[in-house]
Full PDB file with SEQRES, HELIX, SHEET, SSBOND, CRYST1, ORIGX, SCALE, CONECT and MASTER records, all heavy atoms in Angstrom:
SEQRES   1 A   39  ALA LYS GLU ARG ASP TRP LEU LEU GLN ALA SER ALA ASP          
SEQRES   2 A   39  ARG LEU ARG GLN PHE GLY VAL PRO ALA SER GLU LEU ALA          
SEQRES   3 A   39  ARG LEU GLU ARG THR GLY THR VAL GLN HIS ASP ILE THR          
HELIX    1 AA1 LYS A    2  GLN A   17  1                                  16    
HELIX    2 AA2 ALA A   22  THR A   31  1                                  10    
CRYST1    1.000    1.000    1.000  90.00  90.00  90.00 P 1           1          
ORIGX1      1.000000  0.000000  0.000000        0.00000                         
ORIGX2      0.000000  1.000000  0.000000        0.00000                         
ORIGX3      0.000000  0.000000  1.000000        0.00000                         
SCALE1      1.000000  0.000000  0.000000        0.00000                         
SCALE2      0.000000  1.000000  0.000000        0.00000                         
SCALE3      0.000000  0.000000  1.000000        0.00000                         
ATOM      1  N   ALA A   1      67.228 -54.058 -93.858  1.00  0.00           N  
ATOM      2  CA  ALA A   1      68.647 -54.199 -94.176  1.00  0.00           C  
ATOM      3  C   ALA A   1      69.023 -55.669 -94.307  1.00  0.00           C  
ATOM      4  O   ALA A   1      69.755 -56.059 -95.214  1.00  0.00           O  
ATOM      5  CB  ALA A   1      69.498 -53.525 -93.105  1.00  0.00           C  
ATOM      6  N   LYS A   2      68.520 -56.502 -93.409  1.00  0.00           N  
ATOM      7  CA  LYS A   2      68.812 -57.930 -93.464  1.00  0.00           C  
ATOM      8  C   LYS A   2      68.261 -58.553 -94.743  1.00  0.00           C  
ATOM      9  O   LYS A   2      68.884 -59.410 -95.366  1.00  0.00           O  
ATOM     10  CB  LYS A   2      68.229 -58.640 -92.244  1.00  0.00           C  
ATOM     11  CG  LYS A   2      68.925 -58.288 -90.937  1.00  0.00           C  
ATOM     12  CD  LYS A   2      68.315 -59.060 -89.777  1.00  0.00           C  
ATOM     13  CE  LYS A   2      69.026 -58.733 -88.471  1.00  0.00           C  
ATOM     14  NZ  LYS A   2      68.445 -59.464 -87.332  1.00  0.00           N  
ATOM     15  N   GLU A   3      67.079 -58.093 -95.151  1.00  0.00           N  
ATOM     16  CA  GLU A   3      66.476 -58.624 -96.363  1.00  0.00           C  
ATOM     17  C   GLU A   3      67.291 -58.239 -97.594  1.00  0.00           C  
ATOM     18  O   GLU A   3      67.491 -59.059 -98.494  1.00  0.00           O  
ATOM     19  CB  GLU A   3      65.041 -58.106 -96.510  1.00  0.00           C  
ATOM     20  CG  GLU A   3      64.307 -58.700 -97.714  1.00  0.00           C  
ATOM     21  CD  GLU A   3      62.869 -58.246 -97.784  1.00  0.00           C  
ATOM     22  OE1 GLU A   3      62.381 -57.640 -96.810  1.00  0.00           O  
ATOM     23  OE2 GLU A   3      62.234 -58.496 -98.816  1.00  0.00           O  
ATOM     24  N   ARG A   4      67.800 -56.995 -97.625  1.00  0.00           N  
ATOM     25  CA  ARG A   4      68.626 -56.570 -98.759  1.00  0.00           C  
ATOM     26  C   ARG A   4      69.904 -57.391 -98.822  1.00  0.00           C  
ATOM     27  O   ARG A   4      70.337 -57.817 -99.886  1.00  0.00           O  
ATOM     28  CB  ARG A   4      68.931 -55.079 -98.648  1.00  0.00           C  
ATOM     29  CG  ARG A   4      67.735 -54.172 -98.927  1.00  0.00           C  
ATOM     30  CD  ARG A   4      68.179 -52.733 -99.110  1.00  0.00           C  
ATOM     31  NE  ARG A   4      68.768 -52.190 -97.884  1.00  0.00           N  
ATOM     32  CZ  ARG A   4      68.073 -51.575 -96.940  1.00  0.00           C  
ATOM     33  NH1 ARG A   4      66.763 -51.455 -97.056  1.00  0.00           N  
ATOM     34  NH2 ARG A   4      68.683 -51.086 -95.878  1.00  0.00           N  
ATOM     35  N   ASP A   5      70.524 -57.619 -97.665  1.00  0.00           N  
ATOM     36  CA  ASP A   5      71.746 -58.431 -97.631  1.00  0.00           C  
ATOM     37  C   ASP A   5      71.455 -59.865 -98.077  1.00  0.00           C  
ATOM     38  O   ASP A   5      72.256 -60.471 -98.793  1.00  0.00           O  
ATOM     39  CB  ASP A   5      72.336 -58.434 -96.213  1.00  0.00           C  
ATOM     40  CG  ASP A   5      72.891 -57.068 -95.815  1.00  0.00           C  
ATOM     41  OD1 ASP A   5      73.124 -56.243 -96.727  1.00  0.00           O  
ATOM     42  OD2 ASP A   5      73.067 -56.845 -94.607  1.00  0.00           O  
ATOM     43  N   TRP A   6      70.312 -60.375 -97.641  1.00  0.00           N  
ATOM     44  CA  TRP A   6      69.949 -61.745 -98.001  1.00  0.00           C  
ATOM     45  C   TRP A   6      69.720 -61.871 -99.498  1.00  0.00           C  
ATOM     46  O   TRP A   6      70.154 -62.841-100.123  1.00  0.00           O  
ATOM     47  CB  TRP A   6      68.699 -62.162 -97.247  1.00  0.00           C  
ATOM     48  CG  TRP A   6      68.237 -63.551 -97.606  1.00  0.00           C  
ATOM     49  CD1 TRP A   6      68.679 -64.730 -97.077  1.00  0.00           C  
ATOM     50  CD2 TRP A   6      67.284 -63.909 -98.612  1.00  0.00           C  
ATOM     51  NE1 TRP A   6      68.060 -65.797 -97.674  1.00  0.00           N  
ATOM     52  CE2 TRP A   6      67.194 -65.317 -98.624  1.00  0.00           C  
ATOM     53  CE3 TRP A   6      66.491 -63.166 -99.487  1.00  0.00           C  
ATOM     54  CZ2 TRP A   6      66.346 -66.003 -99.484  1.00  0.00           C  
ATOM     55  CZ3 TRP A   6      65.645 -63.853-100.351  1.00  0.00           C  
ATOM     56  CH2 TRP A   6      65.572 -65.246-100.343  1.00  0.00           C  
ATOM     57  N   LEU A   7      69.044 -60.895-100.117  1.00  0.00           N  
ATOM     58  CA  LEU A   7      68.795 -60.940-101.557  1.00  0.00           C  
ATOM     59  C   LEU A   7      70.095 -60.880-102.342  1.00  0.00           C  
ATOM     60  O   LEU A   7      70.266 -61.595-103.339  1.00  0.00           O  
ATOM     61  CB  LEU A   7      67.879 -59.775-101.960  1.00  0.00           C  
ATOM     62  CG  LEU A   7      66.423 -59.872-101.510  1.00  0.00           C  
ATOM     63  CD1 LEU A   7      65.677 -58.583-101.826  1.00  0.00           C  
ATOM     64  CD2 LEU A   7      65.744 -61.064-102.180  1.00  0.00           C  
ATOM     65  N   LEU A   8      71.029 -60.054-101.902  1.00  0.00           N  
ATOM     66  CA  LEU A   8      72.325 -59.958-102.577  1.00  0.00           C  
ATOM     67  C   LEU A   8      73.081 -61.270-102.469  1.00  0.00           C  
ATOM     68  O   LEU A   8      73.636 -61.777-103.457  1.00  0.00           O  
ATOM     69  CB  LEU A   8      73.148 -58.814-101.979  1.00  0.00           C  
ATOM     70  CG  LEU A   8      74.522 -58.571-102.621  1.00  0.00           C  
ATOM     71  CD1 LEU A   8      74.363 -58.130-104.071  1.00  0.00           C  
ATOM     72  CD2 LEU A   8      75.301 -57.516-101.830  1.00  0.00           C  
ATOM     73  N   GLN A   9      73.114 -61.852-101.256  1.00  0.00           N  
ATOM     74  CA  GLN A   9      73.824 -63.112-101.051  1.00  0.00           C  
ATOM     75  C   GLN A   9      73.175 -64.250-101.826  1.00  0.00           C  
ATOM     76  O   GLN A   9      73.860 -65.103-102.404  1.00  0.00           O  
ATOM     77  CB  GLN A   9      73.858 -63.445 -99.565  1.00  0.00           C  
ATOM     78  CG  GLN A   9      74.694 -64.672 -99.206  1.00  0.00           C  
ATOM     79  CD  GLN A   9      76.140 -64.508 -99.585  1.00  0.00           C  
ATOM     80  OE1 GLN A   9      76.744 -63.467 -99.315  1.00  0.00           O  
ATOM     81  NE2 GLN A   9      76.716 -65.508-100.239  1.00  0.00           N  
ATOM     82  N   ALA A  10      71.827 -64.263-101.881  1.00  0.00           N  
ATOM     83  CA  ALA A  10      71.121 -65.334-102.588  1.00  0.00           C  
ATOM     84  C   ALA A  10      71.409 -65.302-104.070  1.00  0.00           C  
ATOM     85  O   ALA A  10      71.633 -66.349-104.699  1.00  0.00           O  
ATOM     86  CB  ALA A  10      69.622 -65.210-102.338  1.00  0.00           C  
ATOM     87  N   SER A  11      71.423 -64.116-104.681  1.00  0.00           N  
ATOM     88  CA  SER A  11      71.702 -64.027-106.114  1.00  0.00           C  
ATOM     89  C   SER A  11      73.154 -64.383-106.409  1.00  0.00           C  
ATOM     90  O   SER A  11      73.458 -65.028-107.416  1.00  0.00           O  
ATOM     91  CB  SER A  11      71.371 -62.628-106.643  1.00  0.00           C  
ATOM     92  OG  SER A  11      72.057 -61.627-105.896  1.00  0.00           O  
ATOM     93  N   ALA A  12      74.087 -64.005-105.515  1.00  0.00           N  
ATOM     94  CA  ALA A  12      75.495 -64.380-105.695  1.00  0.00           C  
ATOM     95  C   ALA A  12      75.663 -65.894-105.588  1.00  0.00           C  
ATOM     96  O   ALA A  12      76.390 -66.510-106.375  1.00  0.00           O  
ATOM     97  CB  ALA A  12      76.371 -63.670-104.669  1.00  0.00           C  
ATOM     98  N   ASP A  13      74.979 -66.505-104.624  1.00  0.00           N  
ATOM     99  CA  ASP A  13      75.056 -67.962-104.464  1.00  0.00           C  
ATOM    100  C   ASP A  13      74.482 -68.671-105.688  1.00  0.00           C  
ATOM    101  O   ASP A  13      75.013 -69.697-106.122  1.00  0.00           O  
ATOM    102  CB  ASP A  13      74.294 -68.405-103.211  1.00  0.00           C  
ATOM    103  CG  ASP A  13      75.003 -68.016-101.934  1.00  0.00           C  
ATOM    104  OD1 ASP A  13      76.203 -67.680-101.998  1.00  0.00           O  
ATOM    105  OD2 ASP A  13      74.351 -68.029-100.866  1.00  0.00           O  
ATOM    106  N   ARG A  14      73.396 -68.124-106.245  1.00  0.00           N  
ATOM    107  CA  ARG A  14      72.797 -68.749-107.423  1.00  0.00           C  
ATOM    108  C   ARG A  14      73.751 -68.699-108.614  1.00  0.00           C  
ATOM    109  O   ARG A  14      73.847 -69.651-109.383  1.00  0.00           O  
ATOM    110  CB  ARG A  14      71.464 -68.064-107.741  1.00  0.00           C  
ATOM    111  CG  ARG A  14      70.602 -68.836-108.702  1.00  0.00           C  
ATOM    112  CD  ARG A  14      69.127 -68.544-108.527  1.00  0.00           C  
ATOM    113  NE  ARG A  14      68.838 -67.120-108.611  1.00  0.00           N  
ATOM    114  CZ  ARG A  14      68.407 -66.381-107.586  1.00  0.00           C  
ATOM    115  NH1 ARG A  14      68.222 -66.937-106.403  1.00  0.00           N  
ATOM    116  NH2 ARG A  14      68.139 -65.098-107.729  1.00  0.00           N  
ATOM    117  N   LEU A  15      74.470 -67.593-108.761  1.00  0.00           N  
ATOM    118  CA  LEU A  15      75.457 -67.498-109.837  1.00  0.00           C  
ATOM    119  C   LEU A  15      76.564 -68.540-109.652  1.00  0.00           C  
ATOM    120  O   LEU A  15      77.015 -69.163-110.617  1.00  0.00           O  
ATOM    121  CB  LEU A  15      76.055 -66.093-109.881  1.00  0.00           C  
ATOM    122  CG  LEU A  15      75.143 -64.988-110.426  1.00  0.00           C  
ATOM    123  CD1 LEU A  15      75.771 -63.620-110.233  1.00  0.00           C  
ATOM    124  CD2 LEU A  15      74.824 -65.220-111.895  1.00  0.00           C  
ATOM    125  N   ARG A  16      76.998 -68.726-108.410  1.00  0.00           N  
ATOM    126  CA  ARG A  16      78.039 -69.730-108.149  1.00  0.00           C  
ATOM    127  C   ARG A  16      77.518 -71.131-108.426  1.00  0.00           C  
ATOM    128  O   ARG A  16      78.244 -71.981-108.955  1.00  0.00           O  
ATOM    129  CB  ARG A  16      78.519 -69.619-106.697  1.00  0.00           C  
ATOM    130  CG  ARG A  16      79.250 -68.313-106.386  1.00  0.00           C  
ATOM    131  CD  ARG A  16      79.872 -68.350-105.000  1.00  0.00           C  
ATOM    132  NE  ARG A  16      80.436 -67.062-104.642  1.00  0.00           N  
ATOM    133  CZ  ARG A  16      79.800 -66.138-103.932  1.00  0.00           C  
ATOM    134  NH1 ARG A  16      78.580 -66.393-103.478  1.00  0.00           N  
ATOM    135  NH2 ARG A  16      80.375 -64.989-103.648  1.00  0.00           N  
ATOM    136  N   GLN A  17      76.254 -71.384-108.080  1.00  0.00           N  
ATOM    137  CA  GLN A  17      75.672 -72.697-108.346  1.00  0.00           C  
ATOM    138  C   GLN A  17      75.544 -72.964-109.842  1.00  0.00           C  
ATOM    139  O   GLN A  17      75.590 -74.108-110.283  1.00  0.00           O  
ATOM    140  CB  GLN A  17      74.306 -72.804-107.671  1.00  0.00           C  
ATOM    141  CG  GLN A  17      74.379 -72.899-106.157  1.00  0.00           C  
ATOM    142  CD  GLN A  17      73.038 -72.687-105.481  1.00  0.00           C  
ATOM    143  OE1 GLN A  17      72.026 -72.506-106.147  1.00  0.00           O  
ATOM    144  NE2 GLN A  17      73.026 -72.710-104.157  1.00  0.00           N  
ATOM    145  N   PHE A  18      75.403 -71.904-110.623  1.00  0.00           N  
ATOM    146  CA  PHE A  18      75.372 -72.037-112.077  1.00  0.00           C  
ATOM    147  C   PHE A  18      76.757 -72.353-112.639  1.00  0.00           C  
ATOM    148  O   PHE A  18      76.896 -72.625-113.831  1.00  0.00           O  
ATOM    149  CB  PHE A  18      74.851 -70.758-112.729  1.00  0.00           C  
ATOM    150  CG  PHE A  18      73.357 -70.618-112.694  1.00  0.00           C  
ATOM    151  CD1 PHE A  18      72.768 -69.368-112.680  1.00  0.00           C  
ATOM    152  CD2 PHE A  18      72.532 -71.725-112.689  1.00  0.00           C  
ATOM    153  CE1 PHE A  18      71.381 -69.228-112.658  1.00  0.00           C  
ATOM    154  CE2 PHE A  18      71.150 -71.603-112.666  1.00  0.00           C  
ATOM    155  CZ  PHE A  18      70.577 -70.351-112.650  1.00  0.00           C  
ATOM    156  N   GLY A  19      77.791 -72.294-111.798  1.00  0.00           N  
ATOM    157  CA  GLY A  19      79.146 -72.557-112.267  1.00  0.00           C  
ATOM    158  C   GLY A  19      79.809 -71.351-112.890  1.00  0.00           C  
ATOM    159  O   GLY A  19      80.775 -71.491-113.656  1.00  0.00           O  
ATOM    160  N   VAL A  20      79.312 -70.152-112.592  1.00  0.00           N  
ATOM    161  CA  VAL A  20      79.907 -68.935-113.138  1.00  0.00           C  
ATOM    162  C   VAL A  20      81.311 -68.772-112.546  1.00  0.00           C  
ATOM    163  O   VAL A  20      81.479 -68.816-111.324  1.00  0.00           O  
ATOM    164  CB  VAL A  20      79.035 -67.708-112.800  1.00  0.00           C  
ATOM    165  CG1 VAL A  20      79.728 -66.421-113.223  1.00  0.00           C  
ATOM    166  CG2 VAL A  20      77.680 -67.837-113.478  1.00  0.00           C  
ATOM    167  N   PRO A  21      82.338 -68.597-113.393  1.00  0.00           N  
ATOM    168  CA  PRO A  21      83.706 -68.490-112.876  1.00  0.00           C  
ATOM    169  C   PRO A  21      83.883 -67.281-111.962  1.00  0.00           C  
ATOM    170  O   PRO A  21      83.166 -66.277-112.075  1.00  0.00           O  
ATOM    171  CB  PRO A  21      84.561 -68.338-114.148  1.00  0.00           C  
ATOM    172  CG  PRO A  21      83.683 -68.695-115.285  1.00  0.00           C  
ATOM    173  CD  PRO A  21      82.279 -68.517-114.850  1.00  0.00           C  
ATOM    174  N   ALA A  22      84.856 -67.368-111.077  1.00  0.00           N  
ATOM    175  CA  ALA A  22      85.134 -66.265-110.161  1.00  0.00           C  
ATOM    176  C   ALA A  22      85.516 -65.001-110.923  1.00  0.00           C  
ATOM    177  O   ALA A  22      85.213 -63.882-110.493  1.00  0.00           O  
ATOM    178  CB  ALA A  22      86.250 -66.660-109.193  1.00  0.00           C  
ATOM    179  N   SER A  23      86.178 -65.187-112.080  1.00  0.00           N  
ATOM    180  CA  SER A  23      86.576 -64.025-112.890  1.00  0.00           C  
ATOM    181  C   SER A  23      85.356 -63.260-113.388  1.00  0.00           C  
ATOM    182  O   SER A  23      85.366 -62.028-113.475  1.00  0.00           O  
ATOM    183  CB  SER A  23      87.443 -64.475-114.073  1.00  0.00           C  
ATOM    184  OG  SER A  23      86.746 -65.409-114.880  1.00  0.00           O  
ATOM    185  N   GLU A  24      84.274 -63.976-113.735  1.00  0.00           N  
ATOM    186  CA  GLU A  24      83.056 -63.322-114.204  1.00  0.00           C  
ATOM    187  C   GLU A  24      82.352 -62.599-113.051  1.00  0.00           C  
ATOM    188  O   GLU A  24      81.834 -61.488-113.227  1.00  0.00           O  
ATOM    189  CB  GLU A  24      82.114 -64.351-114.833  1.00  0.00           C  
ATOM    190  CG  GLU A  24      80.721 -63.848-115.167  1.00  0.00           C  
ATOM    191  CD  GLU A  24      80.705 -62.682-116.151  1.00  0.00           C  
ATOM    192  OE1 GLU A  24      81.731 -62.459-116.829  1.00  0.00           O  
ATOM    193  OE2 GLU A  24      79.683 -61.994-116.227  1.00  0.00           O  
ATOM    194  N   LEU A  25      82.354 -63.206-111.873  1.00  0.00           N  
ATOM    195  CA  LEU A  25      81.768 -62.533-110.709  1.00  0.00           C  
ATOM    196  C   LEU A  25      82.543 -61.255-110.378  1.00  0.00           C  
ATOM    197  O   LEU A  25      81.939 -60.225-110.039  1.00  0.00           O  
ATOM    198  CB  LEU A  25      81.769 -63.475-109.506  1.00  0.00           C  
ATOM    199  CG  LEU A  25      80.783 -64.646-109.556  1.00  0.00           C  
ATOM    200  CD1 LEU A  25      80.990 -65.571-108.363  1.00  0.00           C  
ATOM    201  CD2 LEU A  25      79.350 -64.144-109.589  1.00  0.00           C  
ATOM    202  N   ALA A  26      83.878 -61.319-110.500  1.00  0.00           N  
ATOM    203  CA  ALA A  26      84.694 -60.137-110.233  1.00  0.00           C  
ATOM    204  C   ALA A  26      84.416 -59.047-111.272  1.00  0.00           C  
ATOM    205  O   ALA A  26      84.354 -57.855-110.941  1.00  0.00           O  
ATOM    206  CB  ALA A  26      86.171 -60.512-110.233  1.00  0.00           C  
ATOM    207  N   ARG A  27      84.231 -59.450-112.535  1.00  0.00           N  
ATOM    208  CA  ARG A  27      83.931 -58.476-113.590  1.00  0.00           C  
ATOM    209  C   ARG A  27      82.578 -57.824-113.350  1.00  0.00           C  
ATOM    210  O   ARG A  27      82.409 -56.607-113.497  1.00  0.00           O  
ATOM    211  CB  ARG A  27      83.947 -59.178-114.954  1.00  0.00           C  
ATOM    212  CG  ARG A  27      83.801 -58.231-116.155  1.00  0.00           C  
ATOM    213  CD  ARG A  27      83.126 -58.914-117.316  1.00  0.00           C  
ATOM    214  NE  ARG A  27      81.775 -59.362-116.984  1.00  0.00           N  
ATOM    215  CZ  ARG A  27      80.714 -58.549-116.947  1.00  0.00           C  
ATOM    216  NH1 ARG A  27      80.844 -57.252-117.210  1.00  0.00           N  
ATOM    217  NH2 ARG A  27      79.526 -59.035-116.625  1.00  0.00           N  
ATOM    218  N   LEU A  28      81.595 -58.641-112.947  1.00  0.00           N  
ATOM    219  CA  LEU A  28      80.258 -58.126-112.658  1.00  0.00           C  
ATOM    220  C   LEU A  28      80.307 -57.120-111.517  1.00  0.00           C  
ATOM    221  O   LEU A  28      79.676 -56.059-111.564  1.00  0.00           O  
ATOM    222  CB  LEU A  28      79.333 -59.293-112.320  1.00  0.00           C  
ATOM    223  CG  LEU A  28      77.856 -58.992-112.127  1.00  0.00           C  
ATOM    224  CD1 LEU A  28      77.220 -58.517-113.432  1.00  0.00           C  
ATOM    225  CD2 LEU A  28      77.118 -60.243-111.622  1.00  0.00           C  
ATOM    226  N   GLU A  29      81.088 -57.439-110.503  1.00  0.00           N  
ATOM    227  CA  GLU A  29      81.241 -56.559-109.343  1.00  0.00           C  
ATOM    228  C   GLU A  29      81.928 -55.255-109.740  1.00  0.00           C  
ATOM    229  O   GLU A  29      81.551 -54.167-109.293  1.00  0.00           O  
ATOM    230  CB  GLU A  29      82.062 -57.277-108.267  1.00  0.00           C  
ATOM    231  CG  GLU A  29      82.271 -56.502-106.984  1.00  0.00           C  
ATOM    232  CD  GLU A  29      81.080 -56.602-106.054  1.00  0.00           C  
ATOM    233  OE1 GLU A  29      80.245 -57.515-106.248  1.00  0.00           O  
ATOM    234  OE2 GLU A  29      80.981 -55.769-105.152  1.00  0.00           O  
ATOM    235  N   ARG A  30      82.924 -55.376-110.614  1.00  0.00           N  
ATOM    236  CA  ARG A  30      83.743 -54.216-110.986  1.00  0.00           C  
ATOM    237  C   ARG A  30      83.013 -53.267-111.945  1.00  0.00           C  
ATOM    238  O   ARG A  30      83.047 -52.049-111.789  1.00  0.00           O  
ATOM    239  CB  ARG A  30      85.049 -54.698-111.620  1.00  0.00           C  
ATOM    240  CG  ARG A  30      86.031 -53.584-111.977  1.00  0.00           C  
ATOM    241  CD  ARG A  30      87.320 -54.147-112.550  1.00  0.00           C  
ATOM    242  NE  ARG A  30      87.102 -54.793-113.844  1.00  0.00           N  
ATOM    243  CZ  ARG A  30      87.078 -56.099-114.042  1.00  0.00           C  
ATOM    244  NH1 ARG A  30      87.249 -56.922-113.017  1.00  0.00           N  
ATOM    245  NH2 ARG A  30      86.883 -56.607-115.248  1.00  0.00           N  
ATOM    246  N   THR A  31      82.360 -53.834-112.960  1.00  0.00           N  
ATOM    247  CA  THR A  31      81.777 -53.006-114.016  1.00  0.00           C  
ATOM    248  C   THR A  31      80.310 -52.661-113.775  1.00  0.00           C  
ATOM    249  O   THR A  31      79.816 -51.653-114.270  1.00  0.00           O  
ATOM    250  CB  THR A  31      81.878 -53.725-115.372  1.00  0.00           C  
ATOM    251  OG1 THR A  31      81.080 -54.924-115.350  1.00  0.00           O  
ATOM    252  CG2 THR A  31      83.330 -54.099-115.668  1.00  0.00           C  
ATOM    253  N   GLY A  32      79.591 -53.537-113.055  1.00  0.00           N  
ATOM    254  CA  GLY A  32      78.173 -53.296-112.841  1.00  0.00           C  
ATOM    255  C   GLY A  32      77.333 -53.472-114.081  1.00  0.00           C  
ATOM    256  O   GLY A  32      76.223 -52.937-114.181  1.00  0.00           O  
ATOM    257  N   THR A  33      77.832 -54.218-115.055  1.00  0.00           N  
ATOM    258  CA  THR A  33      77.094 -54.460-116.293  1.00  0.00           C  
ATOM    259  C   THR A  33      76.934 -55.964-116.522  1.00  0.00           C  
ATOM    260  O   THR A  33      77.831 -56.758-116.198  1.00  0.00           O  
ATOM    261  CB  THR A  33      77.820 -53.855-117.508  1.00  0.00           C  
ATOM    262  OG1 THR A  33      79.137 -54.428-117.606  1.00  0.00           O  
ATOM    263  CG2 THR A  33      77.942 -52.354-117.379  1.00  0.00           C  
ATOM    264  N   VAL A  34      75.813 -56.339-117.103  1.00  0.00           N  
ATOM    265  CA  VAL A  34      75.521 -57.747-117.373  1.00  0.00           C  
ATOM    266  C   VAL A  34      76.299 -58.215-118.598  1.00  0.00           C  
ATOM    267  O   VAL A  34      76.378 -57.508-119.601  1.00  0.00           O  
ATOM    268  CB  VAL A  34      74.009 -57.941-117.601  1.00  0.00           C  
ATOM    269  CG1 VAL A  34      73.714 -59.350-118.093  1.00  0.00           C  
ATOM    270  CG2 VAL A  34      73.249 -57.653-116.323  1.00  0.00           C  
ATOM    271  N   GLN A  35      76.881 -59.394-118.500  1.00  0.00           N  
ATOM    272  CA  GLN A  35      77.571 -60.021-119.635  1.00  0.00           C  
ATOM    273  C   GLN A  35      76.604 -61.003-120.277  1.00  0.00           C  
ATOM    274  O   GLN A  35      76.217 -61.998-119.667  1.00  0.00           O  
ATOM    275  CB  GLN A  35      78.834 -60.764-119.158  1.00  0.00           C  
ATOM    276  CG  GLN A  35      79.634 -61.429-120.254  1.00  0.00           C  
ATOM    277  CD  GLN A  35      80.489 -60.441-121.022  1.00  0.00           C  
ATOM    278  OE1 GLN A  35      80.661 -59.305-120.612  1.00  0.00           O  
ATOM    279  NE2 GLN A  35      81.005 -60.872-122.160  1.00  0.00           N  
ATOM    280  N   HIS A  36      76.195 -60.730-121.515  1.00  0.00           N  
ATOM    281  CA  HIS A  36      75.187 -61.576-122.155  1.00  0.00           C  
ATOM    282  C   HIS A  36      75.753 -62.926-122.590  1.00  0.00           C  
ATOM    283  O   HIS A  36      75.075 -63.943-122.510  1.00  0.00           O  
ATOM    284  CB  HIS A  36      74.567 -60.853-123.348  1.00  0.00           C  
ATOM    285  CG  HIS A  36      73.646 -59.747-122.941  1.00  0.00           C  
ATOM    286  ND1 HIS A  36      74.100 -58.473-122.627  1.00  0.00           N  
ATOM    287  CD2 HIS A  36      72.293 -59.721-122.742  1.00  0.00           C  
ATOM    288  CE1 HIS A  36      73.072 -57.719-122.277  1.00  0.00           C  
ATOM    289  NE2 HIS A  36      71.968 -58.441-122.332  1.00  0.00           N  
ATOM    290  N   ASP A  37      76.985 -62.953-123.071  1.00  0.00           N  
ATOM    291  CA  ASP A  37      77.626 -64.217-123.462  1.00  0.00           C  
ATOM    292  C   ASP A  37      78.711 -64.541-122.452  1.00  0.00           C  
ATOM    293  O   ASP A  37      79.650 -63.762-122.268  1.00  0.00           O  
ATOM    294  CB  ASP A  37      78.253 -64.119-124.862  1.00  0.00           C  
ATOM    295  CG  ASP A  37      77.210 -63.945-125.950  1.00  0.00           C  
ATOM    296  OD1 ASP A  37      76.022 -64.108-125.648  1.00  0.00           O  
ATOM    297  OD2 ASP A  37      77.592 -63.639-127.096  1.00  0.00           O  
ATOM    298  N   ILE A  38      78.593 -65.690-121.799  1.00  0.00           N  
ATOM    299  CA  ILE A  38      79.593 -66.092-120.810  1.00  0.00           C  
ATOM    300  C   ILE A  38      80.503 -67.149-121.425  1.00  0.00           C  
ATOM    301  O   ILE A  38      80.067 -67.986-122.228  1.00  0.00           O  
ATOM    302  CB  ILE A  38      78.928 -66.622-119.522  1.00  0.00           C  
ATOM    303  CG1 ILE A  38      79.978 -66.839-118.431  1.00  0.00           C  
ATOM    304  CG2 ILE A  38      78.152 -67.890-119.787  1.00  0.00           C  
ATOM    305  CD1 ILE A  38      79.382 -67.147-117.080  1.00  0.00           C  
ATOM    306  N   THR A  39      81.776 -67.092-121.070  1.00  0.00           N  
ATOM    307  CA  THR A  39      82.750 -68.032-121.594  1.00  0.00           C  
ATOM    308  C   THR A  39      82.869 -69.236-120.662  1.00  0.00           C  
ATOM    309  O   THR A  39      83.050 -69.071-119.450  1.00  0.00           O  
ATOM    310  CB  THR A  39      84.132 -67.364-121.744  1.00  0.00           C  
ATOM    311  OG1 THR A  39      84.023 -66.261-122.648  1.00  0.00           O  
ATOM    312  CG2 THR A  39      85.155 -68.358-122.292  1.00  0.00           C  
TER     313      THR A  39                                                      
MASTER        0    0    0    2    0    0    0    6  312    1    0    3          
END                                                                             
């Protein structure tokens, strides 16, 4: 369980380090689909 939580947190942190806007993270969370072109 700890490993699953760590993997989820690590991928979320990597997206933030890429500068992905909070709106895109919220969309990803809401829809569960990958956005190929980011604004």
